[in-house]
């Protein structure tokens, strides 16, 4: 697919829950790919480089320390992370800087239900987080379908509907 023609799908199911002075975004998407393929996209550094907001210095499929480098154009910000749990092909839990991400993959008749819990310090960032993951998961879905778009991250997301998604998620989360 021509990256310039890429447009995101409709907003996903989201909720926001307080937890110990922090906030957890629950983001749910249905994907038409089996859990094993989705797991590979979540853990394999080469596949992560094609859709995620960060690059990983190793496979995320085993517990332990890792460096996740946030990429925005030519800028890169390496952040320490730790894979806490990796239970292929159903559960991946890791830190990313101060955030905690938990990915659950549930088989469905048509593929996989991907549920991401992303815990952050500031509730006000949840619509932005949801919009970013929305674009990333749409790109991952295209990659898994054999129609890669290439990564849409950082400022480039503004050209692909990020602001409209942020506003839509703010309304869904009761912030707008």
N, C-alpha and C. Protein backbone atom coordinates (compact mmCIF):
# COMPACT_ATOMS: atom_id res chain seq x y z
N UNK A 1 0.83 -1.18 0.00
CA UNK A 1 0.00 0.00 0.00
C UNK A 1 0.87 1.24 0.00
N UNK A 2 0.43 2.25 -0.70
CA UNK A 2 1.11 3.54 -0.70
C UNK A 2 0.91 4.17 0.69
N UNK A 3 2.00 4.43 1.43
CA UNK A 3 1.85 4.98 2.78
C UNK A 3 1.05 6.28 2.81
N UNK A 4 1.15 7.10 1.78
CA UNK A 4 0.41 8.36 1.77
C UNK A 4 -1.10 8.13 1.72
N UNK A 5 -1.53 6.98 1.19
CA UNK A 5 -2.96 6.69 1.07
C UNK A 5 -3.53 6.02 2.31
N UNK A 6 -2.68 5.64 3.25
CA UNK A 6 -3.13 4.94 4.46
C UNK A 6 -4.03 5.83 5.31
N UNK A 7 -5.17 5.30 5.70
CA UNK A 7 -6.10 5.97 6.61
C UNK A 7 -6.53 4.96 7.67
N UNK A 8 -6.65 5.40 8.92
CA UNK A 8 -7.03 4.47 9.98
C UNK A 8 -8.50 4.10 9.93
N UNK A 9 -8.80 2.97 10.57
CA UNK A 9 -10.18 2.53 10.72
C UNK A 9 -10.85 3.26 11.87
N UNK A 10 -12.10 2.89 12.17
CA UNK A 10 -12.85 3.55 13.25
C UNK A 10 -12.24 3.27 14.62
N UNK A 11 -12.53 4.12 15.59
CA UNK A 11 -11.97 3.92 16.94
C UNK A 11 -12.31 2.55 17.52
N UNK A 12 -11.40 2.06 18.33
CA UNK A 12 -11.53 0.77 18.99
C UNK A 12 -12.30 0.93 20.30
N UNK A 13 -12.58 -0.21 20.93
CA UNK A 13 -13.16 -0.20 22.28
C UNK A 13 -12.08 0.25 23.25
N UNK A 14 -12.40 1.22 24.09
CA UNK A 14 -11.45 1.69 25.09
C UNK A 14 -12.16 1.98 26.40
N UNK A 15 -11.43 1.81 27.49
CA UNK A 15 -11.87 2.24 28.81
C UNK A 15 -10.66 2.79 29.54
N UNK A 16 -10.93 3.59 30.57
CA UNK A 16 -9.86 4.12 31.43
C UNK A 16 -10.19 3.76 32.87
N UNK A 17 -9.19 3.24 33.59
CA UNK A 17 -9.40 2.80 34.96
C UNK A 17 -8.27 3.33 35.84
N UNK A 18 -8.62 3.93 37.00
CA UNK A 18 -7.56 4.36 37.92
C UNK A 18 -6.97 3.15 38.64
N UNK A 19 -5.65 3.24 38.93
CA UNK A 19 -4.97 2.15 39.64
C UNK A 19 -3.74 2.70 40.34
N UNK A 20 -3.81 2.75 41.67
CA UNK A 20 -2.65 3.15 42.48
C UNK A 20 -2.05 4.49 42.04
N UNK A 21 -2.90 5.48 41.83
CA UNK A 21 -2.41 6.80 41.47
C UNK A 21 -2.02 6.94 40.01
N UNK A 22 -2.25 5.91 39.22
CA UNK A 22 -1.94 5.93 37.79
C UNK A 22 -3.23 5.59 37.05
N UNK A 23 -3.16 5.55 35.73
CA UNK A 23 -4.33 5.25 34.90
C UNK A 23 -3.99 4.18 33.89
N UNK A 24 -4.94 3.28 33.68
CA UNK A 24 -4.74 2.22 32.71
C UNK A 24 -5.76 2.36 31.59
N UNK A 25 -5.25 2.45 30.37
CA UNK A 25 -6.06 2.41 29.17
C UNK A 25 -6.24 0.96 28.78
N UNK A 26 -7.48 0.54 28.55
CA UNK A 26 -7.77 -0.79 28.00
C UNK A 26 -8.22 -0.56 26.57
N UNK A 27 -7.48 -1.13 25.63
CA UNK A 27 -7.67 -0.92 24.19
C UNK A 27 -7.88 -2.30 23.56
N UNK A 28 -9.02 -2.50 22.89
CA UNK A 28 -9.36 -3.83 22.35
C UNK A 28 -9.58 -3.74 20.85
N UNK A 29 -8.93 -4.65 20.12
CA UNK A 29 -9.11 -4.72 18.66
C UNK A 29 -9.25 -6.17 18.23
N UNK A 30 -10.07 -6.38 17.23
CA UNK A 30 -10.21 -7.70 16.60
C UNK A 30 -9.32 -7.72 15.36
N UNK A 31 -8.48 -8.74 15.26
CA UNK A 31 -7.59 -8.88 14.11
C UNK A 31 -7.90 -10.18 13.39
N UNK A 32 -7.76 -10.19 12.08
CA UNK A 32 -8.10 -11.37 11.27
C UNK A 32 -6.89 -12.30 11.10
N UNK A 33 -6.06 -12.39 12.09
CA UNK A 33 -4.85 -13.20 12.01
C UNK A 33 -4.77 -14.07 13.25
N UNK A 34 -4.21 -15.28 13.14
CA UNK A 34 -4.13 -16.17 14.30
C UNK A 34 -3.19 -15.61 15.37
N UNK A 35 -3.42 -15.99 16.62
CA UNK A 35 -2.59 -15.48 17.72
C UNK A 35 -1.08 -15.67 17.49
N UNK A 36 -0.68 -16.77 16.88
CA UNK A 36 0.76 -17.01 16.67
C UNK A 36 1.38 -15.94 15.78
N UNK A 37 0.65 -15.49 14.77
CA UNK A 37 1.17 -14.43 13.87
C UNK A 37 1.17 -13.09 14.57
N UNK A 38 0.13 -12.81 15.37
CA UNK A 38 0.08 -11.56 16.11
C UNK A 38 1.20 -11.54 17.15
N UNK A 39 1.42 -12.67 17.81
CA UNK A 39 2.51 -12.78 18.79
C UNK A 39 3.85 -12.44 18.14
N UNK A 40 4.10 -12.99 16.97
CA UNK A 40 5.36 -12.70 16.27
C UNK A 40 5.49 -11.21 15.99
N UNK A 41 4.40 -10.56 15.60
CA UNK A 41 4.45 -9.12 15.33
C UNK A 41 4.75 -8.33 16.61
N UNK A 42 4.30 -8.84 17.77
CA UNK A 42 4.53 -8.16 19.05
C UNK A 42 5.93 -8.37 19.61
N UNK A 43 6.60 -9.43 19.17
CA UNK A 43 7.86 -9.80 19.82
C UNK A 43 9.09 -9.75 18.92
N UNK A 44 8.94 -9.98 17.64
CA UNK A 44 10.07 -10.04 16.71
C UNK A 44 10.56 -8.63 16.38
N UNK A 45 11.82 -8.31 16.65
CA UNK A 45 12.32 -6.95 16.41
C UNK A 45 12.14 -6.48 14.96
N UNK A 46 12.30 -7.37 13.99
CA UNK A 46 12.13 -6.96 12.59
C UNK A 46 10.69 -6.55 12.32
N UNK A 47 9.73 -7.32 12.84
CA UNK A 47 8.33 -6.96 12.64
C UNK A 47 7.95 -5.72 13.45
N UNK A 48 8.44 -5.60 14.67
CA UNK A 48 8.17 -4.40 15.46
C UNK A 48 8.63 -3.14 14.72
N UNK A 49 9.76 -3.24 14.05
CA UNK A 49 10.30 -2.11 13.30
C UNK A 49 9.40 -1.65 12.17
N UNK A 50 8.47 -2.51 11.76
CA UNK A 50 7.56 -2.17 10.67
C UNK A 50 6.24 -1.55 11.13
N UNK A 51 5.97 -1.57 12.45
CA UNK A 51 4.68 -1.03 12.90
C UNK A 51 4.69 -0.33 14.24
N UNK A 52 5.58 -0.67 15.15
CA UNK A 52 5.53 -0.15 16.52
C UNK A 52 6.15 1.25 16.61
N UNK A 53 5.84 1.97 17.70
CA UNK A 53 6.43 3.30 17.88
C UNK A 53 7.89 3.24 18.31
N UNK A 54 8.37 2.03 18.57
CA UNK A 54 9.74 1.85 19.04
C UNK A 54 10.42 0.71 18.30
N UNK A 55 11.73 0.70 18.40
CA UNK A 55 12.56 -0.41 17.93
C UNK A 55 13.03 -1.16 19.16
N UNK A 56 13.16 -2.48 19.07
CA UNK A 56 13.60 -3.29 20.20
C UNK A 56 14.99 -3.84 19.89
N UNK A 57 15.86 -3.88 20.90
CA UNK A 57 17.21 -4.38 20.69
C UNK A 57 17.31 -5.90 20.79
N UNK A 58 16.17 -6.55 21.05
CA UNK A 58 16.14 -8.02 21.08
C UNK A 58 14.69 -8.48 20.96
N UNK A 59 14.52 -9.78 20.80
CA UNK A 59 13.18 -10.39 20.75
C UNK A 59 12.52 -10.21 22.12
N UNK A 60 11.25 -9.84 22.12
CA UNK A 60 10.52 -9.64 23.37
C UNK A 60 9.85 -10.92 23.87
N UNK A 61 10.10 -12.03 23.24
CA UNK A 61 9.45 -13.28 23.58
C UNK A 61 10.00 -13.99 24.80
N UNK A 62 10.98 -13.41 25.48
CA UNK A 62 11.51 -14.00 26.71
C UNK A 62 11.68 -12.88 27.75
N UNK A 63 11.47 -13.20 29.03
CA UNK A 63 11.63 -12.19 30.07
C UNK A 63 13.07 -11.68 30.15
N UNK A 64 13.19 -10.45 30.64
CA UNK A 64 14.50 -9.84 30.84
C UNK A 64 14.55 -8.41 30.34
N UNK A 65 15.70 -7.80 30.53
CA UNK A 65 15.89 -6.42 30.14
C UNK A 65 15.97 -6.27 28.62
N UNK A 66 15.50 -5.12 28.16
CA UNK A 66 15.50 -4.79 26.74
C UNK A 66 15.57 -3.27 26.64
N UNK A 67 16.04 -2.78 25.51
CA UNK A 67 16.00 -1.35 25.23
C UNK A 67 14.99 -1.12 24.11
N UNK A 68 14.00 -0.25 24.39
CA UNK A 68 13.01 0.13 23.39
C UNK A 68 13.31 1.57 23.00
N UNK A 69 13.61 1.77 21.72
CA UNK A 69 14.00 3.09 21.24
C UNK A 69 12.84 3.74 20.50
N UNK A 70 12.28 4.78 21.11
CA UNK A 70 11.21 5.56 20.50
C UNK A 70 11.79 6.28 19.29
N UNK A 71 11.10 6.19 18.15
CA UNK A 71 11.58 6.79 16.91
C UNK A 71 10.59 7.84 16.45
N UNK A 72 11.11 9.03 16.11
CA UNK A 72 10.30 10.11 15.55
C UNK A 72 11.14 10.78 14.47
N UNK A 73 10.94 10.34 13.22
CA UNK A 73 11.76 10.86 12.13
C UNK A 73 13.21 10.44 12.35
N UNK A 74 14.09 11.44 12.39
CA UNK A 74 15.52 11.16 12.60
C UNK A 74 15.88 11.10 14.08
N UNK A 75 14.96 11.48 14.96
CA UNK A 75 15.22 11.48 16.39
C UNK A 75 14.94 10.10 16.98
N UNK A 76 15.77 9.72 17.94
CA UNK A 76 15.59 8.43 18.61
C UNK A 76 15.86 8.62 20.10
N UNK A 77 15.05 7.97 20.93
CA UNK A 77 15.18 8.07 22.38
C UNK A 77 15.15 6.67 22.96
N UNK A 78 16.32 6.15 23.32
CA UNK A 78 16.43 4.81 23.89
C UNK A 78 15.93 4.83 25.33
N UNK A 79 15.03 3.89 25.66
CA UNK A 79 14.47 3.83 27.00
C UNK A 79 14.60 2.40 27.53
N UNK A 80 15.00 2.29 28.80
CA UNK A 80 15.10 0.95 29.38
C UNK A 80 13.72 0.34 29.54
N UNK A 81 13.65 -0.96 29.38
CA UNK A 81 12.41 -1.70 29.52
C UNK A 81 12.74 -3.08 30.08
N UNK A 82 11.71 -3.73 30.57
CA UNK A 82 11.86 -5.09 31.06
C UNK A 82 10.66 -5.91 30.62
N UNK A 83 10.92 -7.03 29.98
CA UNK A 83 9.85 -7.98 29.69
C UNK A 83 9.62 -8.76 30.97
N UNK A 84 8.44 -8.59 31.56
CA UNK A 84 8.11 -9.25 32.82
C UNK A 84 7.52 -10.64 32.60
N UNK A 85 6.65 -10.74 31.59
CA UNK A 85 6.01 -12.03 31.28
C UNK A 85 5.95 -12.18 29.78
N UNK A 86 6.23 -13.38 29.33
CA UNK A 86 6.13 -13.72 27.91
C UNK A 86 5.64 -15.16 27.83
N UNK A 87 4.35 -15.31 27.57
CA UNK A 87 3.72 -16.62 27.50
C UNK A 87 3.10 -16.78 26.11
N UNK A 88 3.94 -17.22 25.18
CA UNK A 88 3.52 -17.33 23.77
C UNK A 88 2.38 -18.32 23.64
N UNK A 89 1.43 -18.06 22.79
CA UNK A 89 1.16 -16.82 22.06
C UNK A 89 0.01 -16.04 22.68
N UNK A 90 0.00 -15.89 24.02
CA UNK A 90 -1.20 -15.29 24.61
C UNK A 90 -0.95 -14.09 25.51
N UNK A 91 0.22 -13.94 26.11
CA UNK A 91 0.43 -12.86 27.07
C UNK A 91 1.85 -12.31 26.98
N UNK A 92 1.94 -11.00 26.82
CA UNK A 92 3.22 -10.29 26.85
C UNK A 92 3.04 -9.09 27.76
N UNK A 93 3.91 -8.98 28.75
CA UNK A 93 3.85 -7.84 29.66
C UNK A 93 5.26 -7.26 29.78
N UNK A 94 5.34 -5.94 29.56
CA UNK A 94 6.65 -5.30 29.64
C UNK A 94 6.51 -3.85 30.06
N UNK A 95 7.58 -3.33 30.60
CA UNK A 95 7.65 -1.91 30.90
C UNK A 95 8.18 -1.20 29.67
N UNK A 96 7.95 0.10 29.64
CA UNK A 96 8.53 0.97 28.61
C UNK A 96 8.72 2.32 29.29
N UNK A 97 9.95 2.58 29.72
CA UNK A 97 10.18 3.73 30.58
C UNK A 97 9.39 3.54 31.86
N UNK A 98 8.54 4.50 32.20
CA UNK A 98 7.72 4.43 33.42
C UNK A 98 6.38 3.74 33.19
N UNK A 99 6.05 3.42 31.95
CA UNK A 99 4.76 2.81 31.62
C UNK A 99 4.82 1.29 31.71
N UNK A 100 3.64 0.69 31.90
CA UNK A 100 3.50 -0.76 31.89
C UNK A 100 2.52 -1.13 30.78
N UNK A 101 2.91 -2.08 29.93
CA UNK A 101 2.06 -2.56 28.85
C UNK A 101 1.81 -4.05 29.02
N UNK A 102 0.56 -4.43 28.89
CA UNK A 102 0.17 -5.84 28.97
C UNK A 102 -0.66 -6.14 27.74
N UNK A 103 -0.18 -7.05 26.91
CA UNK A 103 -0.86 -7.46 25.68
C UNK A 103 -1.42 -8.86 25.89
N UNK A 104 -2.72 -9.02 25.70
CA UNK A 104 -3.34 -10.34 25.76
C UNK A 104 -3.91 -10.67 24.40
N UNK A 105 -3.65 -11.89 23.95
CA UNK A 105 -4.14 -12.38 22.67
C UNK A 105 -5.10 -13.53 22.94
N UNK A 106 -6.34 -13.37 22.50
CA UNK A 106 -7.36 -14.38 22.70
C UNK A 106 -7.82 -14.89 21.34
N UNK A 107 -7.74 -16.20 21.10
CA UNK A 107 -8.22 -16.72 19.82
C UNK A 107 -9.72 -16.48 19.65
N UNK A 108 -10.11 -16.14 18.43
CA UNK A 108 -11.53 -15.99 18.09
C UNK A 108 -11.78 -16.82 16.83
N UNK A 109 -13.05 -16.94 16.45
CA UNK A 109 -13.37 -17.69 15.24
C UNK A 109 -12.71 -17.08 14.01
N UNK A 110 -12.54 -15.75 14.02
CA UNK A 110 -12.00 -15.05 12.85
C UNK A 110 -10.54 -14.66 12.99
N UNK A 111 -9.89 -14.95 14.12
CA UNK A 111 -8.50 -14.55 14.30
C UNK A 111 -8.13 -14.38 15.74
N UNK A 112 -7.92 -13.11 16.15
CA UNK A 112 -7.42 -12.81 17.49
C UNK A 112 -8.06 -11.54 18.03
N UNK A 113 -8.45 -11.60 19.30
CA UNK A 113 -8.82 -10.38 20.01
C UNK A 113 -7.56 -9.92 20.74
N UNK A 114 -7.08 -8.75 20.36
CA UNK A 114 -5.92 -8.16 21.00
C UNK A 114 -6.42 -7.17 22.04
N UNK A 115 -6.01 -7.37 23.28
CA UNK A 115 -6.35 -6.44 24.35
C UNK A 115 -5.04 -5.91 24.92
N UNK A 116 -4.91 -4.59 24.87
CA UNK A 116 -3.73 -3.92 25.42
C UNK A 116 -4.16 -3.11 26.63
N UNK A 117 -3.48 -3.33 27.75
CA UNK A 117 -3.60 -2.48 28.92
C UNK A 117 -2.31 -1.67 28.97
N UNK A 118 -2.43 -0.36 28.88
CA UNK A 118 -1.27 0.53 28.91
C UNK A 118 -1.45 1.46 30.10
N UNK A 119 -0.60 1.32 31.11
CA UNK A 119 -0.70 2.10 32.34
C UNK A 119 0.28 3.27 32.30
N UNK A 120 -0.27 4.46 32.55
CA UNK A 120 0.50 5.71 32.49
C UNK A 120 0.26 6.51 33.76
N UNK A 121 1.06 7.54 33.97
CA UNK A 121 0.92 8.38 35.16
C UNK A 121 -0.21 9.39 35.03
N UNK A 122 -0.42 9.94 33.85
CA UNK A 122 -1.34 11.07 33.66
C UNK A 122 -2.55 10.66 32.83
N UNK A 123 -3.73 10.74 33.43
CA UNK A 123 -4.96 10.38 32.72
C UNK A 123 -5.14 11.19 31.45
N UNK A 124 -4.71 12.44 31.45
CA UNK A 124 -4.87 13.30 30.29
C UNK A 124 -4.17 12.81 29.04
N UNK A 125 -3.20 11.92 29.20
CA UNK A 125 -2.48 11.40 28.03
C UNK A 125 -3.19 10.21 27.37
N UNK A 126 -4.21 9.66 28.04
CA UNK A 126 -4.85 8.44 27.51
C UNK A 126 -5.41 8.59 26.10
N UNK A 127 -6.10 9.69 25.74
CA UNK A 127 -6.56 9.80 24.35
C UNK A 127 -5.41 9.81 23.33
N UNK A 128 -4.30 10.41 23.70
CA UNK A 128 -3.13 10.43 22.81
C UNK A 128 -2.53 9.04 22.68
N UNK A 129 -2.44 8.35 23.81
CA UNK A 129 -1.92 6.98 23.81
C UNK A 129 -2.81 6.08 22.95
N UNK A 130 -4.13 6.20 23.13
CA UNK A 130 -5.06 5.39 22.35
C UNK A 130 -4.93 5.67 20.86
N UNK A 131 -4.82 6.95 20.48
CA UNK A 131 -4.67 7.31 19.06
C UNK A 131 -3.38 6.74 18.48
N UNK A 132 -2.31 6.82 19.24
CA UNK A 132 -1.04 6.27 18.76
C UNK A 132 -1.11 4.77 18.56
N UNK A 133 -1.63 4.06 19.56
CA UNK A 133 -1.73 2.60 19.42
C UNK A 133 -2.71 2.22 18.33
N UNK A 134 -3.76 3.01 18.15
CA UNK A 134 -4.71 2.74 17.07
C UNK A 134 -4.00 2.71 15.73
N UNK A 135 -3.22 3.75 15.45
CA UNK A 135 -2.49 3.80 14.18
C UNK A 135 -1.51 2.64 14.08
N UNK A 136 -0.78 2.38 15.15
CA UNK A 136 0.20 1.29 15.12
C UNK A 136 -0.47 -0.06 14.86
N UNK A 137 -1.58 -0.34 15.53
CA UNK A 137 -2.25 -1.62 15.34
C UNK A 137 -2.83 -1.72 13.93
N UNK A 138 -3.35 -0.62 13.40
CA UNK A 138 -3.82 -0.64 12.00
C UNK A 138 -2.67 -0.99 11.05
N UNK A 139 -1.49 -0.41 11.30
CA UNK A 139 -0.32 -0.70 10.46
C UNK A 139 0.10 -2.16 10.64
N UNK A 140 0.09 -2.67 11.87
CA UNK A 140 0.43 -4.08 12.12
C UNK A 140 -0.54 -5.01 11.40
N UNK A 141 -1.83 -4.67 11.44
CA UNK A 141 -2.84 -5.47 10.76
C UNK A 141 -2.55 -5.54 9.27
N UNK A 142 -2.19 -4.43 8.67
CA UNK A 142 -1.84 -4.41 7.23
C UNK A 142 -0.58 -5.25 6.97
N UNK A 143 0.40 -5.13 7.85
CA UNK A 143 1.62 -5.92 7.71
C UNK A 143 1.29 -7.41 7.73
N UNK A 144 0.50 -7.83 8.69
CA UNK A 144 0.14 -9.24 8.81
C UNK A 144 -0.71 -9.72 7.64
N UNK A 145 -1.44 -8.81 7.02
CA UNK A 145 -2.27 -9.16 5.86
C UNK A 145 -1.48 -9.18 4.56
N UNK A 146 -0.18 -8.87 4.64
CA UNK A 146 0.65 -8.87 3.44
C UNK A 146 0.54 -7.59 2.62
N UNK A 147 0.02 -6.53 3.21
CA UNK A 147 -0.14 -5.24 2.53
C UNK A 147 0.52 -4.16 3.39
N UNK A 148 1.87 -4.24 3.58
CA UNK A 148 2.53 -3.34 4.53
C UNK A 148 2.44 -1.87 4.12
N UNK A 149 2.30 -1.05 5.14
CA UNK A 149 2.25 0.40 4.97
C UNK A 149 3.61 1.01 5.30
N UNK A 150 4.33 0.38 6.21
CA UNK A 150 5.54 0.97 6.78
C UNK A 150 5.13 1.68 8.06
N UNK A 151 6.09 1.92 8.94
CA UNK A 151 5.75 2.50 10.24
C UNK A 151 5.16 3.90 10.12
N UNK A 152 4.16 4.17 10.95
CA UNK A 152 3.55 5.50 11.07
C UNK A 152 3.73 5.88 12.52
N UNK A 153 4.79 6.65 12.80
CA UNK A 153 5.11 6.97 14.18
C UNK A 153 5.59 8.40 14.30
N UNK A 154 5.54 8.90 15.52
CA UNK A 154 6.00 10.26 15.77
C UNK A 154 5.17 11.29 15.02
N UNK A 155 5.83 12.33 14.55
CA UNK A 155 5.13 13.41 13.85
C UNK A 155 4.43 12.94 12.58
N UNK A 156 4.92 11.86 11.97
CA UNK A 156 4.29 11.33 10.75
C UNK A 156 2.85 10.91 11.02
N UNK A 157 2.53 10.57 12.26
CA UNK A 157 1.16 10.17 12.59
C UNK A 157 0.17 11.30 12.35
N UNK A 158 0.63 12.54 12.45
CA UNK A 158 -0.26 13.68 12.21
C UNK A 158 -0.82 13.68 10.80
N UNK A 159 -0.07 13.11 9.86
CA UNK A 159 -0.52 13.04 8.47
C UNK A 159 -1.50 11.91 8.21
N UNK A 160 -1.77 11.12 9.23
CA UNK A 160 -2.61 9.93 9.06
C UNK A 160 -3.78 9.90 10.03
N UNK A 161 -4.27 11.06 10.43
CA UNK A 161 -5.49 11.11 11.23
C UNK A 161 -5.31 11.01 12.72
N UNK A 162 -4.08 11.17 13.22
CA UNK A 162 -3.85 11.03 14.66
C UNK A 162 -4.69 12.03 15.46
N UNK A 163 -4.74 13.28 15.05
CA UNK A 163 -5.47 14.30 15.82
C UNK A 163 -6.96 13.97 15.89
N UNK A 164 -7.54 13.51 14.79
CA UNK A 164 -8.96 13.14 14.79
C UNK A 164 -9.19 11.92 15.69
N UNK A 165 -8.27 10.96 15.66
CA UNK A 165 -8.39 9.80 16.54
C UNK A 165 -8.26 10.22 18.01
N UNK A 166 -7.32 11.09 18.30
CA UNK A 166 -7.15 11.58 19.68
C UNK A 166 -8.46 12.20 20.17
N UNK A 167 -9.08 13.04 19.34
CA UNK A 167 -10.34 13.68 19.72
C UNK A 167 -11.45 12.65 19.90
N UNK A 168 -11.51 11.67 19.01
CA UNK A 168 -12.54 10.62 19.12
C UNK A 168 -12.34 9.81 20.40
N UNK A 169 -11.10 9.48 20.73
CA UNK A 169 -10.84 8.73 21.96
C UNK A 169 -11.10 9.58 23.20
N UNK A 170 -10.83 10.87 23.12
CA UNK A 170 -11.15 11.75 24.25
C UNK A 170 -12.65 11.71 24.54
N UNK A 171 -13.47 11.74 23.47
CA UNK A 171 -14.93 11.65 23.67
C UNK A 171 -15.31 10.28 24.26
N UNK A 172 -14.73 9.21 23.73
CA UNK A 172 -15.06 7.86 24.23
C UNK A 172 -14.66 7.69 25.70
N UNK A 173 -13.57 8.35 26.08
CA UNK A 173 -13.07 8.22 27.46
C UNK A 173 -13.66 9.28 28.40
N UNK A 174 -14.55 10.12 27.85
CA UNK A 174 -15.19 11.13 28.68
C UNK A 174 -14.34 12.36 28.92
N UNK A 175 -13.35 12.59 28.04
CA UNK A 175 -12.45 13.73 28.20
C UNK A 175 -12.73 14.84 27.19
N UNK A 176 -13.73 14.66 26.35
CA UNK A 176 -13.90 15.67 25.30
C UNK A 176 -15.33 15.88 24.92
